[in-house]
Amino acid sequence: MNPKIKAYQVQGDEYGCIVFATNSATARREGGNELNLEFEEVESCRRAQWADQYADVKGGVPPLAMIKHGWWQECAHCSHKVTIDDIEDGYEDDDGNIIKLNPIENDHFIYCSQHCLDEKMRVRTEHDAKAENFKQKLLSLRPDLTFKEYRGKWPQCYCSASFTFDCAQYGGIVGYGTDGEVEWRISQSDLNAWDVYENKRKEAA
């Protein structure tokens, strides 16, 4: 019979996490790795029976469940620290108003309001649109090249793509330079092949 997977709360000096393991020693080691701590640097490792039910849940314990059991979670849009007190009693804003949060859980992230979730989705949509525009720009600029991979969609920060060309061994990478213009970077091993390729292309134009 396989040992039962159980939930443990592993705590460091400032941060903690919930990990699932068959025993305390394994939980301490895995929790320490998650917190970037050595085994002996972990301050405590104790059972969290309330979280056992999430052992088979993809992504682990849902954020709202964490909050309801005394943890705080950061809003994935505005970075506000959402606590159970914010939900039950509210918090005081800069103008002295008491704000009660109604947090929304989405894709294993927590948002302190529907507004924050909507704003995050808007930002993601705009981000992905820029990545798609970058892709179309490359195809328009250099239809002769073979692009192998495009990067830049959420959550990737920078738009880039790898490409190859006739007689290339490794090819190159293209992205935006510091001046905002498209910048082509060729593998050192393919510089001569690139020069030959470009000369032929220009002669045929």
N, C-alpha and C. Protein backbone atom coordinates (compact mmCIF):
# COMPACT_ATOMS: atom_id res chain seq x y z
N MET A 1 0.85 -1.21 0.00
CA MET A 1 0.00 0.00 0.00
C MET A 1 0.88 1.25 0.00
N ASN A 2 0.53 2.21 -0.85
CA ASN A 2 1.30 3.45 -0.90
C ASN A 2 1.03 4.30 0.33
N PRO A 3 2.08 4.93 0.88
CA PRO A 3 1.88 5.82 2.03
C PRO A 3 0.93 6.96 1.67
N LYS A 4 0.14 7.37 2.61
CA LYS A 4 -0.83 8.43 2.37
C LYS A 4 -0.15 9.79 2.26
N ILE A 5 -0.54 10.56 1.25
CA ILE A 5 -0.03 11.91 1.09
C ILE A 5 -0.78 12.84 2.04
N LYS A 6 -0.04 13.63 2.80
CA LYS A 6 -0.65 14.53 3.79
C LYS A 6 -0.13 15.95 3.58
N ALA A 7 -0.88 16.90 4.09
CA ALA A 7 -0.52 18.32 3.96
C ALA A 7 0.28 18.77 5.18
N TYR A 8 1.30 19.58 4.89
CA TYR A 8 2.13 20.14 5.95
C TYR A 8 2.31 21.64 5.73
N GLN A 9 2.33 22.39 6.82
CA GLN A 9 2.64 23.81 6.76
C GLN A 9 4.11 23.99 7.10
N VAL A 10 4.88 24.46 6.13
CA VAL A 10 6.31 24.68 6.31
C VAL A 10 6.55 26.18 6.43
N GLN A 11 7.23 26.59 7.48
CA GLN A 11 7.38 28.01 7.78
C GLN A 11 8.85 28.41 7.84
N GLY A 12 9.17 29.50 7.14
CA GLY A 12 10.50 30.09 7.25
C GLY A 12 10.45 31.29 8.17
N ASP A 13 11.44 32.16 8.08
CA ASP A 13 11.50 33.33 8.95
C ASP A 13 10.36 34.29 8.67
N GLU A 14 10.02 34.46 7.37
CA GLU A 14 8.98 35.42 7.00
C GLU A 14 7.84 34.78 6.22
N TYR A 15 8.16 33.84 5.36
CA TYR A 15 7.16 33.24 4.49
C TYR A 15 6.97 31.75 4.81
N GLY A 16 5.83 31.24 4.38
CA GLY A 16 5.53 29.83 4.57
C GLY A 16 4.83 29.27 3.35
N CYS A 17 4.59 27.97 3.36
CA CYS A 17 3.91 27.33 2.24
C CYS A 17 3.27 26.03 2.72
N ILE A 18 2.35 25.52 1.92
CA ILE A 18 1.74 24.23 2.17
C ILE A 18 2.31 23.24 1.15
N VAL A 19 2.84 22.13 1.64
CA VAL A 19 3.36 21.10 0.75
C VAL A 19 2.69 19.77 1.10
N PHE A 20 2.72 18.86 0.14
CA PHE A 20 2.11 17.55 0.34
C PHE A 20 3.20 16.49 0.28
N ALA A 21 3.23 15.65 1.30
CA ALA A 21 4.28 14.63 1.39
C ALA A 21 3.79 13.48 2.26
N THR A 22 4.55 12.39 2.27
CA THR A 22 4.17 11.23 3.07
C THR A 22 4.68 11.33 4.50
N ASN A 23 5.64 12.23 4.74
CA ASN A 23 6.19 12.35 6.09
C ASN A 23 6.74 13.76 6.31
N SER A 24 7.00 14.08 7.57
CA SER A 24 7.43 15.42 7.95
C SER A 24 8.79 15.79 7.38
N ALA A 25 9.72 14.85 7.35
CA ALA A 25 11.07 15.15 6.86
C ALA A 25 11.05 15.53 5.38
N THR A 26 10.28 14.76 4.60
CA THR A 26 10.16 15.07 3.17
C THR A 26 9.49 16.42 2.97
N ALA A 27 8.44 16.69 3.75
CA ALA A 27 7.74 17.97 3.65
C ALA A 27 8.67 19.12 4.01
N ARG A 28 9.48 18.94 5.02
CA ARG A 28 10.42 19.98 5.45
C ARG A 28 11.43 20.29 4.34
N ARG A 29 11.93 19.23 3.70
CA ARG A 29 12.91 19.41 2.62
C ARG A 29 12.27 20.08 1.41
N GLU A 30 11.10 19.59 0.98
CA GLU A 30 10.45 20.15 -0.20
C GLU A 30 9.95 21.57 0.06
N GLY A 31 9.43 21.80 1.27
CA GLY A 31 8.99 23.15 1.62
C GLY A 31 10.16 24.11 1.68
N GLY A 32 11.29 23.63 2.22
CA GLY A 32 12.49 24.47 2.25
C GLY A 32 12.96 24.84 0.87
N ASN A 33 12.91 23.87 -0.06
CA ASN A 33 13.30 24.16 -1.44
C ASN A 33 12.39 25.22 -2.04
N GLU A 34 11.08 25.12 -1.77
CA GLU A 34 10.13 26.08 -2.31
C GLU A 34 10.37 27.48 -1.75
N LEU A 35 10.81 27.54 -0.50
CA LEU A 35 11.06 28.83 0.17
C LEU A 35 12.51 29.28 0.00
N ASN A 36 13.29 28.49 -0.76
CA ASN A 36 14.70 28.80 -0.98
C ASN A 36 15.48 28.78 0.34
N LEU A 37 15.20 27.77 1.15
CA LEU A 37 15.86 27.62 2.44
C LEU A 37 16.52 26.25 2.54
N GLU A 38 17.63 26.18 3.28
CA GLU A 38 18.24 24.90 3.58
C GLU A 38 17.36 24.16 4.60
N PHE A 39 17.53 22.86 4.68
CA PHE A 39 16.72 22.03 5.57
C PHE A 39 16.73 22.57 7.00
N GLU A 40 17.91 22.93 7.50
CA GLU A 40 18.03 23.39 8.89
C GLU A 40 17.55 24.82 9.08
N GLU A 41 17.32 25.54 7.98
CA GLU A 41 16.84 26.92 8.09
C GLU A 41 15.32 27.00 8.25
N VAL A 42 14.63 25.90 7.98
CA VAL A 42 13.17 25.87 8.14
C VAL A 42 12.84 25.99 9.63
N GLU A 43 11.99 26.97 9.98
CA GLU A 43 11.67 27.19 11.39
C GLU A 43 10.70 26.16 11.94
N SER A 44 9.73 25.75 11.13
CA SER A 44 8.77 24.76 11.62
C SER A 44 8.15 24.01 10.45
N CYS A 45 7.71 22.79 10.75
CA CYS A 45 7.00 21.96 9.77
C CYS A 45 5.97 21.16 10.55
N ARG A 46 4.72 21.49 10.36
CA ARG A 46 3.68 20.79 11.13
C ARG A 46 2.50 20.45 10.22
N ARG A 47 1.72 19.50 10.66
CA ARG A 47 0.58 19.04 9.87
C ARG A 47 -0.44 20.15 9.67
N ALA A 48 -1.05 20.13 8.48
CA ALA A 48 -2.15 21.04 8.15
C ALA A 48 -3.29 20.17 7.64
N GLN A 49 -3.98 19.53 8.57
CA GLN A 49 -4.99 18.54 8.19
C GLN A 49 -6.11 19.13 7.33
N TRP A 50 -6.42 20.39 7.54
CA TRP A 50 -7.49 21.03 6.77
C TRP A 50 -7.19 21.03 5.27
N ALA A 51 -5.90 20.94 4.91
CA ALA A 51 -5.51 21.01 3.50
C ALA A 51 -5.34 19.64 2.86
N ASP A 52 -5.53 18.56 3.63
CA ASP A 52 -5.37 17.21 3.06
C ASP A 52 -6.24 17.00 1.83
N GLN A 53 -7.42 17.59 1.84
CA GLN A 53 -8.38 17.39 0.75
C GLN A 53 -7.89 17.93 -0.59
N TYR A 54 -6.84 18.76 -0.57
CA TYR A 54 -6.36 19.37 -1.81
C TYR A 54 -5.11 18.68 -2.36
N ALA A 55 -4.78 17.52 -1.80
CA ALA A 55 -3.56 16.82 -2.22
C ALA A 55 -3.56 16.49 -3.71
N ASP A 56 -4.72 16.21 -4.27
CA ASP A 56 -4.80 15.83 -5.69
C ASP A 56 -5.30 16.97 -6.57
N VAL A 57 -5.39 18.15 -6.01
CA VAL A 57 -5.87 19.31 -6.78
C VAL A 57 -4.71 19.93 -7.54
N LYS A 58 -4.88 20.10 -8.84
CA LYS A 58 -3.85 20.74 -9.65
C LYS A 58 -3.60 22.16 -9.16
N GLY A 59 -2.35 22.48 -8.88
CA GLY A 59 -2.01 23.81 -8.39
C GLY A 59 -2.00 23.91 -6.87
N GLY A 60 -2.41 22.83 -6.19
CA GLY A 60 -2.37 22.84 -4.74
C GLY A 60 -3.59 23.49 -4.11
N VAL A 61 -3.39 24.03 -2.92
CA VAL A 61 -4.49 24.61 -2.16
C VAL A 61 -5.01 25.88 -2.84
N PRO A 62 -6.31 26.00 -3.10
CA PRO A 62 -6.86 27.21 -3.71
C PRO A 62 -6.61 28.44 -2.83
N PRO A 63 -6.34 29.59 -3.44
CA PRO A 63 -6.04 30.81 -2.66
C PRO A 63 -7.11 31.17 -1.63
N LEU A 64 -8.40 31.04 -1.99
CA LEU A 64 -9.45 31.41 -1.04
C LEU A 64 -9.44 30.50 0.18
N ALA A 65 -9.11 29.23 -0.03
CA ALA A 65 -9.02 28.30 1.10
C ALA A 65 -7.86 28.70 2.00
N MET A 66 -6.76 29.12 1.41
CA MET A 66 -5.61 29.59 2.19
C MET A 66 -6.01 30.78 3.05
N ILE A 67 -6.72 31.73 2.45
CA ILE A 67 -7.13 32.94 3.17
C ILE A 67 -8.05 32.58 4.33
N LYS A 68 -8.99 31.69 4.09
CA LYS A 68 -9.94 31.31 5.13
C LYS A 68 -9.28 30.61 6.30
N HIS A 69 -8.07 30.12 6.09
CA HIS A 69 -7.34 29.45 7.17
C HIS A 69 -6.18 30.31 7.69
N GLY A 70 -6.34 31.62 7.54
CA GLY A 70 -5.41 32.54 8.20
C GLY A 70 -4.23 33.03 7.39
N TRP A 71 -4.11 32.60 6.14
CA TRP A 71 -3.00 33.05 5.30
C TRP A 71 -3.40 34.33 4.57
N TRP A 72 -2.42 35.07 4.09
CA TRP A 72 -2.72 36.18 3.21
C TRP A 72 -2.26 35.82 1.80
N GLN A 73 -2.97 36.38 0.82
CA GLN A 73 -2.64 36.17 -0.59
C GLN A 73 -2.59 37.52 -1.28
N GLU A 74 -1.70 37.67 -2.22
CA GLU A 74 -1.53 38.94 -2.91
C GLU A 74 -2.39 39.00 -4.17
N CYS A 75 -3.13 40.09 -4.32
CA CYS A 75 -3.94 40.27 -5.53
C CYS A 75 -3.03 40.25 -6.74
N ALA A 76 -3.38 39.45 -7.74
CA ALA A 76 -2.54 39.27 -8.92
C ALA A 76 -2.55 40.49 -9.83
N HIS A 77 -3.35 41.49 -9.49
CA HIS A 77 -3.35 42.72 -10.30
C HIS A 77 -2.78 43.91 -9.54
N CYS A 78 -3.37 44.25 -8.39
CA CYS A 78 -2.95 45.47 -7.69
C CYS A 78 -1.98 45.19 -6.54
N SER A 79 -1.71 43.89 -6.27
CA SER A 79 -0.77 43.47 -5.23
C SER A 79 -1.23 43.73 -3.80
N HIS A 80 -2.51 44.08 -3.61
CA HIS A 80 -3.03 44.26 -2.25
C HIS A 80 -2.99 42.91 -1.53
N LYS A 81 -2.57 42.91 -0.27
CA LYS A 81 -2.54 41.68 0.52
C LYS A 81 -3.95 41.39 1.04
N VAL A 82 -4.55 40.34 0.53
CA VAL A 82 -5.91 39.98 0.90
C VAL A 82 -5.87 39.04 2.10
N THR A 83 -6.55 39.42 3.19
CA THR A 83 -6.62 38.61 4.40
C THR A 83 -8.08 38.33 4.74
N ILE A 84 -8.29 37.43 5.68
CA ILE A 84 -9.65 37.13 6.12
C ILE A 84 -10.28 38.35 6.77
N ASP A 85 -9.46 39.19 7.43
CA ASP A 85 -9.98 40.42 8.05
C ASP A 85 -10.50 41.39 7.00
N ASP A 86 -9.83 41.44 5.83
CA ASP A 86 -10.28 42.32 4.75
C ASP A 86 -11.67 41.91 4.27
N ILE A 87 -11.94 40.61 4.33
CA ILE A 87 -13.22 40.09 3.85
C ILE A 87 -14.32 40.26 4.90
N GLU A 88 -14.00 39.92 6.14
CA GLU A 88 -15.02 39.93 7.19
C GLU A 88 -15.24 41.31 7.80
N ASP A 89 -14.17 42.05 8.04
CA ASP A 89 -14.28 43.35 8.73
C ASP A 89 -13.96 44.54 7.83
N GLY A 90 -13.20 44.30 6.77
CA GLY A 90 -12.79 45.39 5.89
C GLY A 90 -11.52 46.06 6.38
N TYR A 91 -10.99 46.94 5.54
CA TYR A 91 -9.80 47.70 5.91
C TYR A 91 -10.04 49.18 5.60
N GLU A 92 -9.26 50.02 6.21
CA GLU A 92 -9.44 51.47 6.04
C GLU A 92 -8.54 51.98 4.93
N ASP A 93 -9.15 52.66 3.95
CA ASP A 93 -8.34 53.21 2.86
C ASP A 93 -7.74 54.55 3.26
N ASP A 94 -7.05 55.20 2.34
CA ASP A 94 -6.36 56.46 2.64
C ASP A 94 -7.32 57.57 3.02
N ASP A 95 -8.58 57.46 2.62
CA ASP A 95 -9.57 58.50 2.93
C ASP A 95 -10.39 58.16 4.18
N GLY A 96 -10.03 57.08 4.85
CA GLY A 96 -10.74 56.71 6.06
C GLY A 96 -11.99 55.87 5.83
N ASN A 97 -12.22 55.45 4.60
CA ASN A 97 -13.39 54.62 4.30
C ASN A 97 -13.08 53.16 4.59
N ILE A 98 -14.06 52.44 5.11
CA ILE A 98 -13.90 51.02 5.37
C ILE A 98 -14.28 50.24 4.11
N ILE A 99 -13.34 49.49 3.59
CA ILE A 99 -13.54 48.72 2.37
C ILE A 99 -13.56 47.23 2.69
N LYS A 100 -14.67 46.59 2.38
CA LYS A 100 -14.76 45.14 2.54
C LYS A 100 -14.50 44.49 1.18
N LEU A 101 -13.60 43.55 1.17
CA LEU A 101 -13.24 42.91 -0.09
C LEU A 101 -14.14 41.71 -0.39
N ASN A 102 -14.37 41.52 -1.66
CA ASN A 102 -15.08 40.34 -2.14
C ASN A 102 -14.17 39.68 -3.18
N PRO A 103 -13.13 38.99 -2.71
CA PRO A 103 -12.10 38.48 -3.62
C PRO A 103 -12.64 37.45 -4.61
N ILE A 104 -12.01 37.44 -5.78
CA ILE A 104 -12.38 36.53 -6.86
C ILE A 104 -11.20 35.61 -7.13
N GLU A 105 -11.47 34.32 -7.26
CA GLU A 105 -10.44 33.34 -7.58
C GLU A 105 -10.54 32.98 -9.06
N ASN A 106 -9.41 33.03 -9.75
CA ASN A 106 -9.41 32.72 -11.17
C ASN A 106 -8.08 32.10 -11.55
N ASP A 107 -8.12 30.90 -12.11
CA ASP A 107 -6.92 30.21 -12.59
C ASP A 107 -5.87 30.10 -11.48
N HIS A 108 -6.34 29.83 -10.27
CA HIS A 108 -5.50 29.66 -9.08
C HIS A 108 -4.79 30.95 -8.66
N PHE A 109 -5.29 32.07 -9.12
CA PHE A 109 -4.82 33.37 -8.63
C PHE A 109 -5.97 34.04 -7.90
N ILE A 110 -5.63 34.97 -7.01
CA ILE A 110 -6.65 35.70 -6.27
C ILE A 110 -6.66 37.15 -6.70
N TYR A 111 -7.84 37.72 -6.81
CA TYR A 111 -8.02 39.13 -7.16
C TYR A 111 -8.92 39.73 -6.09
N CYS A 112 -8.58 40.93 -5.62
CA CYS A 112 -9.33 41.48 -4.50
C CYS A 112 -10.72 41.97 -4.89
N SER A 113 -11.02 42.01 -6.19
CA SER A 113 -12.35 42.42 -6.65
C SER A 113 -12.54 42.00 -8.10
N GLN A 114 -13.77 42.06 -8.57
CA GLN A 114 -14.04 41.77 -9.97
C GLN A 114 -13.36 42.80 -10.86
N HIS A 115 -13.27 44.03 -10.37
CA HIS A 115 -12.60 45.10 -11.13
C HIS A 115 -11.14 44.73 -11.39
N CYS A 116 -10.45 44.23 -10.35
CA CYS A 116 -9.04 43.86 -10.52
C CYS A 116 -8.90 42.71 -11.51
N LEU A 117 -9.81 41.75 -11.45
CA LEU A 117 -9.77 40.64 -12.40
C LEU A 117 -10.00 41.14 -13.82
N ASP A 118 -10.98 42.02 -13.99
CA ASP A 118 -11.26 42.57 -15.33
C ASP A 118 -10.07 43.35 -15.87
N GLU A 119 -9.43 44.12 -14.99
CA GLU A 119 -8.26 44.91 -15.42
C GLU A 119 -7.10 43.98 -15.81
N LYS A 120 -6.92 42.91 -15.05
CA LYS A 120 -5.85 41.96 -15.36
C LYS A 120 -6.09 41.31 -16.71
N MET A 121 -7.34 40.94 -16.99
CA MET A 121 -7.67 40.33 -18.27
C MET A 121 -7.46 41.32 -19.42
N ARG A 122 -7.78 42.60 -19.16
CA ARG A 122 -7.58 43.62 -20.19
C ARG A 122 -6.09 43.77 -20.50
N VAL A 123 -5.26 43.81 -19.44
CA VAL A 123 -3.81 43.94 -19.62
C VAL A 123 -3.25 42.74 -20.37
N ARG A 124 -3.74 41.55 -20.02
CA ARG A 124 -3.28 40.34 -20.70
C ARG A 124 -3.67 40.34 -22.18
N THR A 125 -4.87 40.79 -22.46
CA THR A 125 -5.34 40.85 -23.85
C THR A 125 -4.47 41.81 -24.67
N GLU A 126 -4.18 42.98 -24.10
CA GLU A 126 -3.33 43.95 -24.78
C GLU A 126 -1.92 43.40 -24.97
N HIS A 127 -1.42 42.71 -23.95
CA HIS A 127 -0.09 42.12 -24.01
C HIS A 127 0.00 41.11 -25.15
N ASP A 128 -1.00 40.22 -25.24
CA ASP A 128 -1.00 39.19 -26.27
C ASP A 128 -1.18 39.80 -27.66
N ALA A 129 -1.92 40.91 -27.73
CA ALA A 129 -2.11 41.58 -29.02
C ALA A 129 -0.79 42.14 -29.53
N LYS A 130 0.03 42.68 -28.63
CA LYS A 130 1.35 43.19 -29.03
C LYS A 130 2.24 42.06 -29.53
N ALA A 131 2.14 40.90 -28.87
CA ALA A 131 2.93 39.75 -29.31
C ALA A 131 2.50 39.29 -30.69
N GLU A 132 1.20 39.30 -30.94
CA GLU A 132 0.69 38.89 -32.25
C GLU A 132 1.09 39.91 -33.32
N ASN A 133 1.08 41.19 -32.97
CA ASN A 133 1.52 42.22 -33.91
C ASN A 133 2.99 42.05 -34.27
N PHE A 134 3.79 41.68 -33.27
CA PHE A 134 5.22 41.43 -33.50
C PHE A 134 5.39 40.28 -34.49
N LYS A 135 4.64 39.22 -34.29
CA LYS A 135 4.71 38.06 -35.18
C LYS A 135 4.35 38.45 -36.61
N GLN A 136 3.26 39.17 -36.78
CA GLN A 136 2.83 39.57 -38.12
C GLN A 136 3.83 40.53 -38.76
N LYS A 137 4.46 41.37 -37.94
CA LYS A 137 5.47 42.30 -38.46
C LYS A 137 6.66 41.53 -39.02
N LEU A 138 7.11 40.50 -38.31
CA LEU A 138 8.23 39.69 -38.78
C LEU A 138 7.89 38.99 -40.09
N LEU A 139 6.69 38.42 -40.15
CA LEU A 139 6.28 37.72 -41.37
C LEU A 139 6.21 38.66 -42.55
N SER A 140 5.84 39.90 -42.28
CA SER A 140 5.75 40.90 -43.34
C SER A 140 7.15 41.38 -43.76
N LEU A 141 8.04 41.58 -42.78
CA LEU A 141 9.38 42.07 -43.06
C LEU A 141 10.23 41.03 -43.77
N ARG A 142 10.15 39.77 -43.28
CA ARG A 142 11.03 38.75 -43.83
C ARG A 142 10.29 37.45 -44.11
N PRO A 143 9.45 37.45 -45.16
CA PRO A 143 8.73 36.22 -45.51
C PRO A 143 9.67 35.11 -46.00
N ASP A 144 10.92 35.46 -46.30
CA ASP A 144 11.88 34.48 -46.79
C ASP A 144 12.46 33.61 -45.69
N LEU A 145 12.38 34.06 -44.44
CA LEU A 145 12.97 33.32 -43.33
C LEU A 145 11.97 32.31 -42.77
N THR A 146 12.51 31.30 -42.11
CA THR A 146 11.67 30.29 -41.46
C THR A 146 11.70 30.52 -39.96
N PHE A 147 10.59 30.99 -39.42
CA PHE A 147 10.51 31.27 -37.99
C PHE A 147 10.05 30.00 -37.27
N LYS A 148 10.80 29.62 -36.24
CA LYS A 148 10.54 28.35 -35.56
C LYS A 148 9.74 28.52 -34.26
N GLU A 149 9.91 29.63 -33.60
CA GLU A 149 9.24 29.81 -32.31
C GLU A 149 9.05 31.29 -32.04
N TYR A 150 7.85 31.64 -31.64
CA TYR A 150 7.55 33.01 -31.25
C TYR A 150 7.36 33.08 -29.74
N ARG A 151 7.90 34.11 -29.11
CA ARG A 151 7.74 34.31 -27.67
C ARG A 151 7.25 35.73 -27.42
N GLY A 152 6.51 35.88 -26.35
CA GLY A 152 6.04 37.22 -26.01
C GLY A 152 4.62 37.24 -25.48
N LYS A 153 3.88 36.12 -25.65
CA LYS A 153 2.53 36.08 -25.09
C LYS A 153 2.61 35.93 -23.58
N TRP A 154 1.55 36.33 -22.91
CA TRP A 154 1.49 36.28 -21.46
C TRP A 154 1.80 34.86 -20.97
N PRO A 155 2.67 34.70 -19.94
CA PRO A 155 3.28 35.75 -19.10
C PRO A 155 4.68 36.15 -19.52
N GLN A 156 5.09 35.79 -20.74
CA GLN A 156 6.42 36.18 -21.20
C GLN A 156 6.49 37.69 -21.37
N CYS A 157 7.63 38.27 -21.02
CA CYS A 157 7.75 39.73 -20.99
C CYS A 157 8.16 40.31 -22.34
N TYR A 158 9.07 39.65 -23.04
CA TYR A 158 9.66 40.25 -24.23
C TYR A 158 9.29 39.47 -25.49
N CYS A 159 9.06 40.22 -26.55
CA CYS A 159 8.75 39.62 -27.84
C CYS A 159 10.05 39.22 -28.54
N SER A 160 10.12 37.99 -28.97
CA SER A 160 11.28 37.52 -29.73
C SER A 160 10.87 36.29 -30.52
N ALA A 161 11.74 35.89 -31.43
CA ALA A 161 11.47 34.70 -32.22
C ALA A 161 12.79 34.11 -32.68
N SER A 162 12.86 32.82 -32.79
CA SER A 162 14.03 32.16 -33.36
C SER A 162 13.73 31.87 -34.83
N PHE A 163 14.76 31.87 -35.65
CA PHE A 163 14.56 31.67 -37.09
C PHE A 163 15.76 30.96 -37.68
N THR A 164 15.56 30.44 -38.86
CA THR A 164 16.65 29.82 -39.61
C THR A 164 16.56 30.25 -41.07
N PHE A 165 17.58 29.90 -41.82
CA PHE A 165 17.63 30.28 -43.24
C PHE A 165 18.47 29.25 -43.97
N ASP A 166 18.50 29.31 -45.28
CA ASP A 166 19.24 28.34 -46.08
C ASP A 166 20.70 28.29 -45.65
N CYS A 167 21.20 27.05 -45.46
CA CYS A 167 22.59 26.78 -45.10
C CYS A 167 22.95 27.17 -43.66
N ALA A 168 21.97 27.55 -42.87
CA ALA A 168 22.25 27.91 -41.46
C ALA A 168 22.36 26.65 -40.62
N GLN A 169 23.28 26.68 -39.65
CA GLN A 169 23.42 25.57 -38.72
C GLN A 169 22.55 25.79 -37.49
N TYR A 170 22.60 27.02 -36.97
CA TYR A 170 21.82 27.35 -35.77
C TYR A 170 20.77 28.43 -36.02
N GLY A 171 21.03 29.33 -36.96
CA GLY A 171 20.07 30.41 -37.23
C GLY A 171 20.30 31.60 -36.33
N GLY A 172 19.22 32.20 -35.87
CA GLY A 172 19.36 33.40 -35.06
C GLY A 172 18.11 33.69 -34.26
N ILE A 173 18.13 34.83 -33.59
CA ILE A 173 17.01 35.30 -32.78
C ILE A 173 16.74 36.75 -33.14
N VAL A 174 15.47 37.09 -33.21
CA VAL A 174 15.09 38.46 -33.52
C VAL A 174 14.19 38.99 -32.41
N GLY A 175 14.40 40.25 -32.06
CA GLY A 175 13.58 40.89 -31.03
C GLY A 175 13.68 42.39 -31.17
N TYR A 176 13.09 43.12 -30.23
CA TYR A 176 13.19 44.57 -30.24
C TYR A 176 14.46 45.00 -29.51
N GLY A 177 15.21 45.92 -30.13
CA GLY A 177 16.40 46.46 -29.48
C GLY A 177 16.02 47.57 -28.51
N THR A 178 17.03 48.17 -27.88
CA THR A 178 16.77 49.24 -26.91
C THR A 178 16.15 50.47 -27.55
N ASP A 179 16.34 50.62 -28.87
CA ASP A 179 15.76 51.76 -29.58
C ASP A 179 14.34 51.48 -30.07
N GLY A 180 13.82 50.28 -29.76
CA GLY A 180 12.47 49.95 -30.18
C GLY A 180 12.38 49.39 -31.58
N GLU A 181 13.51 49.28 -32.25
CA GLU A 181 13.52 48.75 -33.61
C GLU A 181 13.82 47.25 -33.58
N VAL A 182 13.39 46.56 -34.63
CA VAL A 182 13.64 45.12 -34.73
C VAL A 182 15.15 44.88 -34.88
N GLU A 183 15.66 43.98 -34.08
CA GLU A 183 17.10 43.70 -34.06
C GLU A 183 17.33 42.22 -34.34
N TRP A 184 18.19 41.94 -35.32
CA TRP A 184 18.47 40.56 -35.73
C TRP A 184 19.81 40.14 -35.16
N ARG A 185 19.83 39.00 -34.46
CA ARG A 185 21.08 38.49 -33.88
C ARG A 185 21.34 37.10 -34.44
N ILE A 186 22.47 36.95 -35.09
CA ILE A 186 22.82 35.70 -35.76
C ILE A 186 23.83 34.93 -34.93
N SER A 187 23.68 33.61 -34.87
CA SER A 187 24.65 32.77 -34.19
C SER A 187 26.04 32.99 -34.77
N GLN A 188 27.04 33.04 -33.91
CA GLN A 188 28.41 33.28 -34.35
C GLN A 188 28.83 32.28 -35.42
N SER A 189 28.35 31.05 -35.29
CA SER A 189 28.73 30.00 -36.24
C SER A 189 28.10 30.22 -37.61
N ASP A 190 27.06 31.05 -37.68
CA ASP A 190 26.33 31.24 -38.94
C ASP A 190 26.53 32.61 -39.56
N LEU A 191 27.47 33.40 -39.05
CA LEU A 191 27.66 34.75 -39.57
C LEU A 191 28.06 34.75 -41.05
N ASN A 192 28.97 33.88 -41.41
CA ASN A 192 29.40 33.82 -42.83
C ASN A 192 28.25 33.36 -43.72
N ALA A 193 27.50 32.35 -43.25
CA ALA A 193 26.36 31.85 -44.03
C ALA A 193 25.29 32.94 -44.17
N TRP A 194 25.13 33.75 -43.13
CA TRP A 194 24.15 34.85 -43.17
C TRP A 194 24.56 35.90 -44.19
N ASP A 195 25.84 36.23 -44.22
CA ASP A 195 26.33 37.21 -45.19
C ASP A 195 26.10 36.72 -46.62
N VAL A 196 26.38 35.45 -46.86
CA VAL A 196 26.16 34.88 -48.20
C VAL A 196 24.67 34.90 -48.53
N TYR A 197 23.86 34.51 -47.58
CA TYR A 197 22.41 34.47 -47.78
C TYR A 197 21.87 35.87 -48.08
N GLU A 198 22.28 36.86 -47.32
CA GLU A 198 21.80 38.22 -47.50
C GLU A 198 22.25 38.81 -48.83
N ASN A 199 23.49 38.52 -49.22
CA ASN A 199 23.98 39.03 -50.51
C ASN A 199 23.17 38.45 -51.67
N LYS A 200 22.88 37.14 -51.59
CA LYS A 200 22.09 36.52 -52.65
C LYS A 200 20.68 37.09 -52.70
N ARG A 201 20.11 37.34 -51.50
CA ARG A 201 18.75 37.87 -51.43
C ARG A 201 18.68 39.27 -52.05
N LYS A 202 19.68 40.09 -51.73
CA LYS A 202 19.69 41.45 -52.25
C LYS A 202 19.94 41.49 -53.75
N GLU A 203 20.77 40.55 -54.24
CA GLU A 203 21.03 40.50 -55.68
C GLU A 203 19.79 40.06 -56.45
N ALA A 204 18.99 39.23 -55.81
CA ALA A 204 17.78 38.73 -56.48
C ALA A 204 16.62 39.70 -56.39
N ALA A 205 16.74 40.72 -55.55
CA ALA A 205 15.63 41.66 -55.34
C ALA A 205 15.46 42.56 -56.56
